[in-house]
Amino acid sequence: MKNNEESRMKKTTILLALLLAAFAGPSLYAQTVGVLVQDSARMFPGYTIFAPQQATTTYLIDKDGQVVHTWPGRYRTGHAVRLLSDGSIIRAGTPSVKDPLAGGGAGGSLDRFTWDGERVWSYLYYSDSGRQHHDLDIMPNGNVLFSAWYPVSRATALGLGRIDSLLTDTTLWFERIIELRPIGADSGEIVWMWDAQQHLIQDVDPAKPNYGVVSEHPELININAGGTNKGWLHMNAIAYNPERDEVIASLHGLDEFIVIKRSTGAIVYRWGNPMNYGRGTAADEKLFGQHDTKWIKTGLPGAGHITVFNNGNGRPGGNATVLEELVPPIDASGNYVLESGKAFGPTEAVWQYAGQQGETFYAQNISGWSRQPNGNAVICLGPVGTFLEVTMQGDLVWKYVSPVGLNGIVTQGQIPMNSNVFKISRIPFDHPALVGRNLAPMGKLEDGPLSVFEAPMLEGVHIEHAPGAEVARISADVQQHLQICAYDVLGRLLEVVFDGELDQSVRTVRVPRGTQILVAKARP
C-alpha cells in the first residue's frame, strides 16, 4: 500500500511540474537568446550593430541586449552594413535570391538610410552581367567599395586557359571590386575597378594567353587553382587601407586573401595557401574557407596587422575555427617582402583564439571578428547568430545570441531558426554617429512578440513615416475602410492611429512616441 501511495504521489508531482511548465511560459526554460554572459568591467564599452540575414531591419543594441536604435531596410541583407559618421547606414540588400547570379552571399542593391529611417540613396547592381555580393567598405571620400560577380561563357573560360575538367557549368564567375561615387538619389559613377580576369596566369597551354610559370608570378592568379565551383574565387570580404592605399580581398574559393595596390591594380601580397602560386604543399596551407579579412586600424592595438576569421572548413584533423592576427612582412621602405622561391610570410599568427577550453568552436560560413581599443576581440559566429567578446588572454566577457530568425523574433526559451548574421561591429560611445542621439533603451528583442517589421503592406496604401517621428502621411489609391496601427521596436501594438475611410487625399495623422512601424490593415 505504501509503495502504491508513493508511486501515485510521484506521478502527481511529475504531472504538476509538466502543467506548470506548460502554463508558465519560457521563464521555466533555460535561457536561449539575448545576453548569456556579461562581465561589464572587462568589456569594451559601446554598442553593437548587426543586420540579421532573415530581416530587413538593422539593430543597435547595448551590452544588456537592449535595443537603442533601429534602421529600416527594403530588402533582406545582402550582406554587409556600415555605419557612417552622420548616423546613416549603407546597407547591401538582396532584391531576389533567384537568378541572375544566385549564390551564397548574393546581394544586388545598396541603400543609404538616415538615422531617422529615410532612404536617401539607392543603387542597383543586379543583372545578367554582374551582381553585388557579400561585402562593402566606405572610402574616406565617401565612395562605396563593393565586390561583384560576373559570368563568362564556357568557351571564354577555355580560351583563358581553364582546364575543361574544372568547368562544371555553362559559365565561370569572375570577380570585380568596384569603387562607386554615389550621385543623387539613385545613381552612381564607377571611378575605379579591379577585375580578376586581368590578373591571370595558366601553365597548361602555351597557345593561350597568360601562359607562364606559376611559381615565378605570385602577383597573378592561376585560373586553374581552387575547385570546380563556377564561383571559383568567391570573394567574401573586402576592406580599404587609406594609409597604404591598398585593398584586401578574401578569396574563399582559393583559401587565401590577396592585397591589391589600388594605384596599379597589382597583387602585392597574398597569404593562406601558397600552393595557389606554386610555392608550397598541402602542409603549408593556413586558411580554410576564411572570411572577414581586414587591417587593424590606426590607434588600435596591433595597428597595421591583418585579422582573418579562419572558418576551418576541411582543416586537416577536422573542422575547427581559429581567429588569426598576422604581422605582414613589410620592409623599411614599406614593401612586402618575398624571398626568391619561397612563400609569403609569416609562418605563424602573432595571436590566435580557438574558443574556450573543452568547447567546439566552429562556424561553417560567414562570420568575422575585430580588435577593440582595449585589446579585446569582438566576434560574430555567423551561422548561429552568436556574438562574443574575449580578452587578449582568451577570457569570455560577453555572449549574446540573436533572437531574430526565419520566422521573426523568438521569445526567451525558444531557439530561432536560420538566425544567420554576416558580421557585426562594436560602436564606441564617442562615435560621431551617436553624438546628440537619443539612445534610451527600448527593450530587449526577445521580450516582445514576433516582429511585425516584415508584415506585407496592403496594395495601393501609402504611408510616409520616419521611425521615431510623431506624425505620418497616409493615403490610398482606392477609397477603402482601413485601420493604421502603430508598433514599437519590439513589435508591440501602441495604438490604432487611424480607423476610417481613406482615399487619394493625403492625411496627416499623429502617432505615439516610440513608433517604429505603421501597418495598414483591412478593418475587421
Protein backbone atom coordinates (compact mmCIF):
# COMPACT_ATOMS: atom_id res chain seq x y z
CA MET A 1 0.00 0.00 0.00
CA LYS A 2 2.76 2.36 0.99
CA ASN A 3 4.65 1.75 -2.28
CA ASN A 4 1.49 2.34 -4.33
CA GLU A 5 0.80 5.59 -2.48
CA GLU A 6 4.38 6.80 -3.04
CA SER A 7 4.09 5.89 -6.71
CA ARG A 8 0.83 7.88 -7.07
CA MET A 9 2.38 10.89 -5.31
CA LYS A 10 5.44 10.73 -7.57
CA LYS A 11 3.26 10.64 -10.69
CA THR A 12 1.15 13.54 -9.39
CA THR A 13 4.30 15.61 -8.73
CA ILE A 14 5.60 14.96 -12.26
CA LEU A 15 2.21 15.86 -13.77
CA LEU A 16 2.05 19.12 -11.79
CA ALA A 17 5.57 20.03 -12.91
CA LEU A 18 4.66 19.44 -16.54
CA LEU A 19 1.49 21.52 -16.22
CA LEU A 20 3.40 24.37 -14.57
CA ALA A 21 6.00 24.30 -17.32
CA ALA A 22 3.28 24.39 -19.95
CA PHE A 23 1.46 27.38 -18.47
CA ALA A 24 4.30 29.38 -17.00
CA GLY A 25 5.92 30.03 -20.39
CA PRO A 26 9.60 30.49 -21.21
CA SER A 27 10.67 31.61 -17.74
CA LEU A 28 10.99 27.97 -16.62
CA TYR A 29 13.20 27.08 -19.55
CA ALA A 30 16.93 27.64 -19.89
CA GLN A 31 17.91 30.99 -21.38
CA THR A 32 18.31 30.55 -25.13
CA VAL A 33 18.69 34.05 -26.58
CA GLY A 34 19.86 37.52 -25.58
CA VAL A 35 22.78 38.18 -23.22
CA LEU A 36 24.06 34.91 -21.74
CA VAL A 37 27.43 36.11 -20.39
CA GLN A 38 28.36 39.61 -19.25
CA ASP A 39 31.48 40.91 -17.47
CA SER A 40 30.93 44.65 -17.87
CA ALA A 41 34.17 45.65 -16.18
CA ARG A 42 36.27 43.89 -18.82
CA MET A 43 34.14 44.60 -21.89
CA PHE A 44 34.96 47.39 -24.32
CA PRO A 45 32.14 49.90 -23.75
CA GLY A 46 29.91 50.64 -26.70
CA TYR A 47 27.00 49.43 -28.77
CA THR A 48 26.80 46.54 -31.24
CA ILE A 49 25.30 46.92 -34.71
CA PHE A 50 24.02 43.90 -36.63
CA ALA A 51 21.78 43.11 -39.59
CA PRO A 52 20.15 39.64 -39.38
CA GLN A 53 20.08 37.95 -42.76
CA GLN A 54 16.44 36.97 -42.41
CA ALA A 55 15.22 40.51 -41.66
CA THR A 56 15.12 43.92 -43.27
CA THR A 57 15.87 45.78 -40.03
CA THR A 58 19.33 46.74 -38.75
CA TYR A 59 19.67 46.84 -34.94
CA LEU A 60 21.87 48.73 -32.49
CA ILE A 61 21.97 47.13 -29.03
CA ASP A 62 23.75 47.89 -25.75
CA LYS A 63 25.71 45.47 -23.57
CA ASP A 64 22.49 44.33 -21.88
CA GLY A 65 20.86 43.41 -25.19
CA GLN A 66 18.55 46.43 -25.03
CA VAL A 67 17.67 47.90 -28.43
CA VAL A 68 18.68 51.58 -28.56
CA HIS A 69 18.05 52.23 -32.26
CA THR A 70 16.94 50.58 -35.49
CA TRP A 71 17.19 51.39 -39.18
CA PRO A 72 14.70 50.05 -41.75
CA GLY A 73 15.60 48.31 -44.98
CA ARG A 74 13.66 47.47 -48.11
CA TYR A 75 15.29 44.06 -48.71
CA ARG A 76 16.84 41.35 -46.62
CA THR A 77 20.53 41.92 -46.17
CA GLY A 78 22.98 41.03 -48.88
CA HIS A 79 25.11 41.02 -46.57
CA ALA A 80 27.18 43.92 -45.20
CA VAL A 81 26.08 47.07 -43.36
CA ARG A 82 28.27 50.07 -42.45
CA LEU A 83 27.56 52.94 -40.06
CA LEU A 84 28.60 56.39 -41.29
CA SER A 85 29.66 59.32 -39.15
CA ASP A 86 26.37 61.18 -39.70
CA GLY A 87 24.33 58.32 -38.24
CA SER A 88 23.17 56.93 -41.57
CA ILE A 89 23.94 53.40 -42.71
CA ILE A 90 24.81 51.96 -46.09
CA ARG A 91 23.39 48.50 -46.34
CA ALA A 92 23.58 45.81 -49.01
CA GLY A 93 20.26 44.17 -49.84
CA THR A 94 19.01 41.13 -51.71
CA PRO A 95 16.26 42.01 -54.21
CA SER A 96 15.88 38.32 -55.08
CA VAL A 97 17.52 35.00 -54.28
CA LYS A 98 16.80 33.76 -57.81
CA ASP A 99 18.87 34.26 -60.94
CA PRO A 100 20.74 36.17 -62.17
CA LEU A 101 23.94 35.05 -60.49
CA ALA A 102 22.30 33.48 -57.46
CA GLY A 103 24.65 32.09 -54.87
CA GLY A 104 25.58 32.25 -51.21
CA GLY A 105 26.07 35.90 -50.30
CA ALA A 106 24.19 37.29 -53.31
CA GLY A 107 23.04 40.89 -52.92
CA GLY A 108 22.26 43.35 -55.67
CA SER A 109 21.27 46.63 -54.01
CA LEU A 110 22.99 49.34 -51.98
CA ASP A 111 20.81 51.64 -49.87
CA ARG A 112 21.57 54.56 -47.59
CA PHE A 113 19.15 55.21 -44.73
CA THR A 114 19.40 58.23 -42.45
CA TRP A 115 19.28 57.95 -38.66
CA ASP A 116 15.55 58.68 -38.89
CA GLY A 117 14.99 55.89 -41.41
CA GLU A 118 14.65 57.88 -44.62
CA ARG A 119 16.10 56.20 -47.71
CA VAL A 120 18.14 58.96 -49.36
CA TRP A 121 20.20 56.95 -51.86
CA SER A 122 19.94 53.59 -53.58
CA TYR A 123 21.86 51.84 -56.33
CA LEU A 124 21.14 48.55 -58.06
CA TYR A 125 23.98 46.38 -59.35
CA TYR A 126 21.95 43.36 -60.31
CA SER A 127 21.71 41.94 -63.84
CA ASP A 128 22.88 39.08 -66.06
CA SER A 129 26.21 40.84 -66.48
CA GLY A 130 27.06 41.37 -62.81
CA ARG A 131 25.79 41.32 -59.24
CA GLN A 132 26.96 42.85 -55.97
CA HIS A 133 27.56 40.29 -53.26
CA HIS A 134 28.85 39.83 -49.71
CA ASP A 135 30.88 42.80 -48.52
CA LEU A 136 31.36 46.55 -48.88
CA ASP A 137 33.53 49.28 -47.38
CA ILE A 138 33.28 53.06 -47.21
CA MET A 139 36.22 55.08 -48.56
CA PRO A 140 37.43 58.23 -46.75
CA ASN A 141 35.92 60.33 -49.58
CA GLY A 142 32.50 58.72 -49.09
CA ASN A 143 32.72 56.39 -52.09
CA VAL A 144 31.44 52.84 -51.70
CA LEU A 145 33.75 49.91 -52.37
CA PHE A 146 31.99 46.60 -53.11
CA SER A 147 32.58 43.17 -54.64
CA ALA A 148 30.67 41.88 -57.66
CA TRP A 149 30.40 38.60 -59.55
CA TYR A 150 30.22 38.49 -63.32
CA PRO A 151 30.00 35.45 -65.62
CA VAL A 152 31.96 34.43 -68.69
CA SER A 153 30.90 31.66 -71.05
CA ARG A 154 32.40 28.19 -71.04
CA ALA A 155 34.11 28.98 -74.34
CA THR A 156 35.66 32.15 -72.93
CA ALA A 157 36.89 30.30 -69.85
CA LEU A 158 38.53 27.63 -72.01
CA GLY A 159 40.09 30.38 -74.12
CA LEU A 160 41.62 31.86 -70.97
CA GLY A 161 43.27 28.53 -70.16
CA ARG A 162 40.78 26.97 -67.76
CA ILE A 163 41.04 23.17 -67.80
CA ASP A 164 37.92 21.54 -69.24
CA SER A 165 37.51 19.14 -66.30
CA LEU A 166 37.30 22.11 -63.92
CA LEU A 167 34.29 23.55 -65.77
CA THR A 168 31.15 22.04 -64.32
CA ASP A 169 28.64 24.66 -65.50
CA THR A 170 27.82 26.74 -68.56
CA THR A 171 29.55 29.79 -67.06
CA LEU A 172 32.54 30.62 -64.87
CA TRP A 173 32.21 33.54 -62.44
CA PHE A 174 34.95 36.12 -62.09
CA GLU A 175 35.21 38.93 -59.55
CA ARG A 176 35.36 42.70 -59.73
CA ILE A 177 36.00 45.21 -56.97
CA ILE A 178 34.18 48.45 -57.73
CA GLU A 179 34.58 51.91 -56.24
CA LEU A 180 31.35 53.82 -56.71
CA ARG A 181 30.75 57.54 -56.18
CA PRO A 182 27.10 57.98 -55.12
CA ILE A 183 25.17 60.50 -57.22
CA GLY A 184 21.74 61.91 -56.47
CA ALA A 185 19.05 59.63 -55.08
CA ASP A 186 19.50 56.54 -57.24
CA SER A 187 22.68 56.71 -59.29
CA GLY A 188 26.45 56.41 -59.08
CA GLU A 189 29.67 56.72 -61.04
CA ILE A 190 32.23 53.91 -61.15
CA VAL A 191 35.54 55.70 -60.54
CA TRP A 192 37.83 52.67 -60.06
CA MET A 193 37.56 48.97 -60.77
CA TRP A 194 39.75 45.92 -60.29
CA ASP A 195 38.99 42.87 -62.46
CA ALA A 196 40.40 39.42 -61.62
CA GLN A 197 40.38 38.48 -65.32
CA GLN A 198 43.18 40.99 -65.92
CA HIS A 199 45.48 39.25 -63.40
CA LEU A 200 45.58 35.63 -64.57
CA ILE A 201 48.22 33.03 -65.34
CA GLN A 202 48.00 29.45 -66.62
CA ASP A 203 50.66 26.82 -67.31
CA VAL A 204 48.76 24.22 -69.38
CA ASP A 205 48.61 25.66 -72.92
CA PRO A 206 51.36 27.83 -74.46
CA ALA A 207 48.99 28.77 -77.30
CA LYS A 208 46.58 30.52 -74.95
CA PRO A 209 47.01 33.90 -73.24
CA ASN A 210 48.51 34.31 -69.79
CA TYR A 211 50.82 31.32 -70.23
CA GLY A 212 53.77 31.21 -67.86
CA VAL A 213 55.47 29.55 -64.91
CA VAL A 214 53.05 29.96 -62.00
CA SER A 215 55.75 29.93 -59.30
CA GLU A 216 57.52 32.84 -60.99
CA HIS A 217 54.43 35.06 -60.87
CA PRO A 218 52.94 35.26 -57.37
CA GLU A 219 51.35 38.55 -58.46
CA LEU A 220 48.98 36.60 -60.75
CA ILE A 221 46.06 34.23 -60.09
CA ASN A 222 46.27 30.72 -61.53
CA ILE A 223 42.99 30.24 -63.40
CA ASN A 224 43.19 26.52 -62.58
CA ALA A 225 43.62 26.96 -58.83
CA GLY A 226 40.77 26.12 -56.48
CA GLY A 227 37.99 23.67 -57.14
CA THR A 228 35.30 23.11 -59.74
CA ASN A 229 32.69 25.53 -58.42
CA LYS A 230 31.58 28.08 -61.01
CA GLY A 231 32.09 30.76 -58.37
CA TRP A 232 35.70 29.61 -58.11
CA LEU A 233 37.08 32.75 -56.44
CA HIS A 234 34.09 33.58 -54.20
CA MET A 235 35.32 36.91 -52.81
CA ASN A 236 33.60 37.21 -49.43
CA ALA A 237 35.37 40.17 -47.79
CA ILE A 238 36.95 43.46 -48.85
CA ALA A 239 38.48 46.36 -46.91
CA TYR A 240 40.42 49.51 -47.75
CA ASN A 241 43.62 50.73 -46.07
CA PRO A 242 43.91 54.51 -46.60
CA GLU A 243 47.44 54.71 -45.16
CA ARG A 244 48.75 52.28 -47.76
CA ASP A 245 46.15 52.88 -50.49
CA GLU A 246 45.55 49.13 -50.68
CA VAL A 247 42.53 46.85 -50.85
CA ILE A 248 42.42 43.47 -49.17
CA ALA A 249 40.13 40.74 -50.50
CA SER A 250 39.32 37.30 -49.14
CA LEU A 251 39.13 34.62 -51.83
CA HIS A 252 37.13 31.88 -50.13
CA GLY A 253 37.41 29.55 -53.13
CA LEU A 254 41.22 29.68 -53.04
CA ASP A 255 41.60 29.59 -49.23
CA GLU A 256 43.68 32.77 -49.25
CA PHE A 257 43.48 36.54 -49.19
CA ILE A 258 45.16 38.98 -51.55
CA VAL A 259 46.28 42.60 -51.15
CA ILE A 260 45.90 44.89 -54.17
CA LYS A 261 47.78 48.15 -54.72
CA ARG A 262 44.98 50.46 -55.74
CA SER A 263 47.16 52.77 -57.86
CA THR A 264 48.36 49.92 -60.11
CA GLY A 265 45.88 47.08 -59.54
CA ALA A 266 48.80 44.72 -58.85
CA ILE A 267 48.56 41.92 -56.29
CA VAL A 268 51.40 42.81 -53.90
CA TYR A 269 50.77 40.31 -51.09
CA ARG A 270 48.84 37.11 -50.53
CA TRP A 271 48.60 34.65 -47.67
CA GLY A 272 46.87 31.43 -46.71
CA ASN A 273 47.57 28.89 -49.43
CA PRO A 274 50.93 29.14 -51.28
CA MET A 275 50.01 26.13 -53.44
CA ASN A 276 47.97 28.62 -55.48
CA TYR A 277 51.19 30.21 -56.76
CA GLY A 278 53.34 27.08 -56.82
CA ARG A 279 55.41 27.73 -53.70
CA GLY A 280 54.11 25.24 -51.20
CA THR A 281 52.37 21.96 -50.46
CA ALA A 282 49.21 21.00 -48.59
CA ALA A 283 51.23 21.14 -45.38
CA ASP A 284 51.79 24.88 -45.92
CA GLU A 285 48.10 25.79 -46.22
CA LYS A 286 46.97 28.09 -43.40
CA LEU A 287 43.45 29.20 -44.33
CA PHE A 288 40.38 27.03 -44.79
CA GLY A 289 37.25 28.78 -46.08
CA GLN A 290 38.08 32.08 -44.36
CA HIS A 291 36.06 35.33 -44.04
CA ASP A 292 36.39 38.95 -42.87
CA THR A 293 39.99 39.82 -43.77
CA LYS A 294 40.94 43.39 -42.85
CA TRP A 295 43.62 45.56 -41.30
CA ILE A 296 43.60 46.63 -37.68
CA LYS A 297 43.03 50.38 -37.85
CA THR A 298 45.41 53.10 -36.71
CA GLY A 299 45.21 53.78 -32.96
CA LEU A 300 44.22 50.24 -32.01
CA PRO A 301 46.48 47.53 -30.52
CA GLY A 302 48.25 45.81 -33.40
CA ALA A 303 47.55 48.63 -35.86
CA GLY A 304 48.59 47.60 -39.38
CA HIS A 305 48.27 43.88 -38.63
CA ILE A 306 45.81 41.79 -40.63
CA THR A 307 42.96 39.89 -39.00
CA VAL A 308 41.08 36.97 -40.51
CA PHE A 309 38.25 34.71 -39.39
CA ASN A 310 39.64 31.30 -40.35
CA ASN A 311 36.42 29.24 -40.53
CA GLY A 312 38.34 25.96 -40.74
CA ASN A 313 36.35 24.06 -43.39
CA GLY A 314 38.34 21.00 -44.42
CA ARG A 315 41.10 21.64 -41.92
CA PRO A 316 43.36 18.57 -41.50
CA GLY A 317 42.30 16.86 -38.30
CA GLY A 318 38.74 18.16 -38.50
CA ASN A 319 36.71 21.32 -38.99
CA ALA A 320 37.66 23.95 -36.41
CA THR A 321 37.58 27.75 -36.40
CA VAL A 322 40.53 29.92 -35.37
CA LEU A 323 40.76 33.71 -35.19
CA GLU A 324 44.09 34.85 -36.63
CA GLU A 325 46.08 38.08 -36.30
CA LEU A 326 49.04 38.33 -38.69
CA VAL A 327 52.02 40.65 -38.97
CA PRO A 328 52.58 41.14 -42.72
CA PRO A 329 56.26 41.09 -43.79
CA ILE A 330 56.98 44.74 -44.66
CA ASP A 331 60.45 46.24 -45.02
CA ALA A 332 61.70 49.70 -44.06
CA SER A 333 60.54 51.09 -47.40
CA GLY A 334 57.01 49.83 -46.88
CA ASN A 335 57.24 47.00 -49.42
CA TYR A 336 56.06 43.44 -48.84
CA VAL A 337 58.98 41.04 -48.51
CA LEU A 338 59.07 37.84 -50.59
CA GLU A 339 62.20 35.73 -50.77
CA SER A 340 63.02 34.08 -54.08
CA GLY A 341 61.34 30.69 -54.44
CA LYS A 342 59.59 30.95 -51.07
CA ALA A 343 56.07 31.74 -49.93
CA PHE A 344 54.94 34.98 -48.36
CA GLY A 345 55.26 35.04 -44.58
CA PRO A 346 54.52 34.93 -41.77
CA THR A 347 54.64 31.24 -41.00
CA GLU A 348 52.54 31.72 -37.85
CA ALA A 349 49.98 34.15 -36.49
CA VAL A 350 51.01 36.57 -33.75
CA TRP A 351 47.69 35.97 -31.94
CA GLN A 352 45.04 33.27 -32.17
CA TYR A 353 41.79 32.32 -30.49
CA ALA A 354 40.21 28.89 -30.90
CA GLY A 355 37.37 29.01 -28.38
CA GLN A 356 37.02 28.21 -24.71
CA GLN A 357 38.79 25.15 -23.42
CA GLY A 358 36.78 22.00 -23.99
CA GLU A 359 34.22 23.58 -26.34
CA THR A 360 33.64 23.00 -30.04
CA PHE A 361 34.44 26.32 -31.75
CA TYR A 362 33.35 26.20 -35.35
CA ALA A 363 31.43 28.45 -37.75
CA GLN A 364 30.95 26.85 -41.15
CA ASN A 365 30.46 30.07 -43.10
CA ILE A 366 30.07 33.88 -42.92
CA SER A 367 31.32 35.33 -39.53
CA GLY A 368 34.04 37.76 -38.51
CA TRP A 369 35.95 39.46 -35.72
CA SER A 370 37.60 42.78 -34.91
CA ARG A 371 40.15 44.12 -32.43
CA GLN A 372 38.91 46.71 -29.89
CA PRO A 373 40.77 49.66 -28.28
CA ASN A 374 41.22 47.71 -25.02
CA GLY A 375 42.65 44.72 -26.91
CA ASN A 376 39.52 42.60 -26.74
CA ALA A 377 38.18 40.74 -29.77
CA VAL A 378 34.50 41.13 -30.71
CA ILE A 379 33.37 38.05 -32.63
CA CYS A 380 30.40 37.04 -34.76
CA LEU A 381 29.70 33.32 -35.14
CA GLY A 382 27.52 33.96 -38.15
CA PRO A 383 25.63 30.72 -38.79
CA VAL A 384 24.18 30.68 -35.26
CA GLY A 385 23.82 34.46 -34.80
CA THR A 386 26.04 34.41 -31.71
CA PHE A 387 28.22 37.36 -30.69
CA LEU A 388 31.18 37.02 -28.32
CA GLU A 389 33.76 39.25 -26.74
CA VAL A 390 37.02 37.79 -25.44
CA THR A 391 40.12 39.33 -23.89
CA MET A 392 43.63 39.01 -25.34
CA GLN A 393 44.10 36.14 -22.86
CA GLY A 394 41.02 34.38 -24.24
CA ASP A 395 38.62 35.05 -21.35
CA LEU A 396 34.98 35.25 -22.40
CA VAL A 397 33.42 38.52 -21.16
CA TRP A 398 30.24 38.78 -23.28
CA LYS A 399 27.94 36.45 -25.15
CA TYR A 400 24.77 37.41 -26.99
CA VAL A 401 22.52 35.17 -29.09
CA SER A 402 20.35 36.98 -31.64
CA PRO A 403 16.66 36.06 -31.36
CA VAL A 404 15.96 37.11 -34.97
CA GLY A 405 15.38 34.18 -37.29
CA LEU A 406 13.46 32.96 -40.30
CA ASN A 407 10.08 33.33 -38.59
CA GLY A 408 10.70 36.67 -36.92
CA ILE A 409 11.83 37.32 -33.35
CA VAL A 410 11.52 34.46 -30.87
CA THR A 411 10.87 34.90 -27.16
CA GLN A 412 13.10 33.65 -24.37
CA GLY A 413 13.16 29.86 -24.12
CA GLN A 414 12.80 29.38 -27.86
CA ILE A 415 15.54 28.79 -30.44
CA PRO A 416 15.42 30.86 -33.64
CA MET A 417 15.71 29.10 -36.98
CA ASN A 418 18.27 30.41 -39.50
CA SER A 419 19.49 33.24 -37.27
CA ASN A 420 22.45 33.99 -39.58
CA VAL A 421 24.36 37.27 -39.21
CA PHE A 422 27.12 38.12 -41.70
CA LYS A 423 29.27 40.07 -39.23
CA ILE A 424 28.96 42.74 -36.55
CA SER A 425 30.69 45.94 -35.39
CA ARG A 426 31.18 47.40 -31.92
CA ILE A 427 30.40 51.12 -31.99
CA PRO A 428 32.16 53.15 -29.24
CA PHE A 429 30.17 55.64 -27.20
CA ASP A 430 32.10 58.57 -28.70
CA HIS A 431 31.47 57.61 -32.33
CA PRO A 432 30.42 60.72 -34.30
CA ALA A 433 27.22 58.98 -35.42
CA LEU A 434 26.00 58.81 -31.81
CA VAL A 435 26.69 62.38 -30.69
CA GLY A 436 23.48 64.04 -29.51
CA ARG A 437 21.33 60.99 -30.26
CA ASN A 438 18.56 59.59 -28.09
CA LEU A 439 19.86 56.16 -27.15
CA ALA A 440 17.43 55.31 -24.37
CA PRO A 441 16.89 51.54 -24.06
CA MET A 442 13.67 50.45 -25.77
CA GLY A 443 13.53 46.86 -24.59
CA LYS A 444 15.09 43.53 -25.43
CA LEU A 445 14.09 41.91 -28.70
CA GLU A 446 13.34 38.58 -27.04
CA ASP A 447 10.91 40.17 -24.55
CA GLY A 448 8.42 41.08 -27.27
CA PRO A 449 6.15 39.11 -29.58
CA LEU A 450 7.08 38.08 -33.08
CA SER A 451 8.26 41.06 -35.13
CA VAL A 452 5.83 42.86 -37.40
CA PHE A 453 8.62 44.51 -39.36
CA GLU A 454 8.24 42.06 -42.20
CA ALA A 455 4.44 42.47 -42.40
CA PRO A 456 3.28 42.94 -46.01
CA MET A 457 1.59 46.24 -46.84
CA LEU A 458 -1.84 46.32 -48.43
CA GLU A 459 -1.75 47.08 -52.15
CA GLY A 460 -2.41 50.71 -53.00
CA VAL A 461 -1.93 52.06 -49.46
CA HIS A 462 0.78 54.69 -48.97
CA ILE A 463 2.36 55.50 -45.59
CA GLU A 464 5.16 58.04 -45.16
CA HIS A 465 6.73 57.80 -41.71
CA ALA A 466 10.26 58.00 -40.40
CA PRO A 467 10.83 55.65 -37.40
CA GLY A 468 10.57 57.74 -34.24
CA ALA A 469 8.72 60.64 -35.90
CA GLU A 470 5.41 61.64 -34.29
CA VAL A 471 3.47 62.34 -37.49
CA ALA A 472 2.77 60.32 -40.63
CA ARG A 473 1.16 60.98 -44.02
CA ILE A 474 -1.29 58.37 -45.32
CA SER A 475 -3.38 57.86 -48.46
CA ALA A 476 -4.90 55.12 -50.63
CA ASP A 477 -5.32 54.72 -54.40
CA VAL A 478 -8.87 53.46 -53.96
CA GLN A 479 -11.28 54.54 -51.22
CA GLN A 480 -11.48 51.85 -48.56
CA HIS A 481 -12.08 51.41 -44.84
CA LEU A 482 -8.75 50.87 -43.10
CA GLN A 483 -7.01 50.74 -39.78
CA ILE A 484 -3.45 52.09 -39.45
CA CYS A 485 -1.69 50.52 -36.45
CA ALA A 486 1.49 51.79 -34.74
CA TYR A 487 4.05 49.34 -33.32
CA ASP A 488 7.22 49.83 -31.29
CA VAL A 489 10.66 48.30 -31.90
CA LEU A 490 9.61 45.03 -30.24
CA GLY A 491 6.56 44.66 -32.43
CA ARG A 492 4.12 45.65 -29.66
CA LEU A 493 0.91 47.43 -30.64
CA LEU A 494 0.97 51.01 -29.36
CA GLU A 495 -2.18 52.47 -30.83
CA VAL A 496 -4.61 52.40 -33.74
CA VAL A 497 -3.78 55.83 -35.19
CA PHE A 498 -6.44 55.81 -37.93
CA ASP A 499 -9.72 53.94 -38.33
CA GLY A 500 -11.98 55.05 -41.16
CA GLU A 501 -12.36 55.77 -44.86
CA LEU A 502 -9.09 56.55 -46.67
CA ASP A 503 -8.77 57.74 -50.27
CA GLN A 504 -6.32 59.59 -52.51
CA SER A 505 -6.41 62.65 -50.27
CA VAL A 506 -3.24 62.73 -48.19
CA ARG A 507 -3.96 62.87 -44.46
CA THR A 508 -1.56 63.73 -41.68
CA VAL A 509 -2.02 61.68 -38.51
CA ARG A 510 -0.26 61.81 -35.16
CA VAL A 511 1.49 58.67 -33.95
CA PRO A 512 2.65 57.83 -30.40
CA ARG A 513 6.24 58.31 -29.26
CA GLY A 514 8.35 55.21 -29.86
CA THR A 515 6.57 54.21 -33.07
CA GLN A 516 8.91 52.28 -35.35
CA ILE A 517 6.49 51.00 -37.95
CA LEU A 518 2.96 51.65 -39.18
CA VAL A 519 0.95 48.80 -40.70
CA ALA A 520 -2.25 49.13 -42.74
CA LYS A 521 -4.93 46.54 -42.14
CA ALA A 522 -8.37 45.99 -43.65
CA ARG A 523 -10.87 46.94 -40.95
CA PRO A 524 -12.17 43.80 -39.21
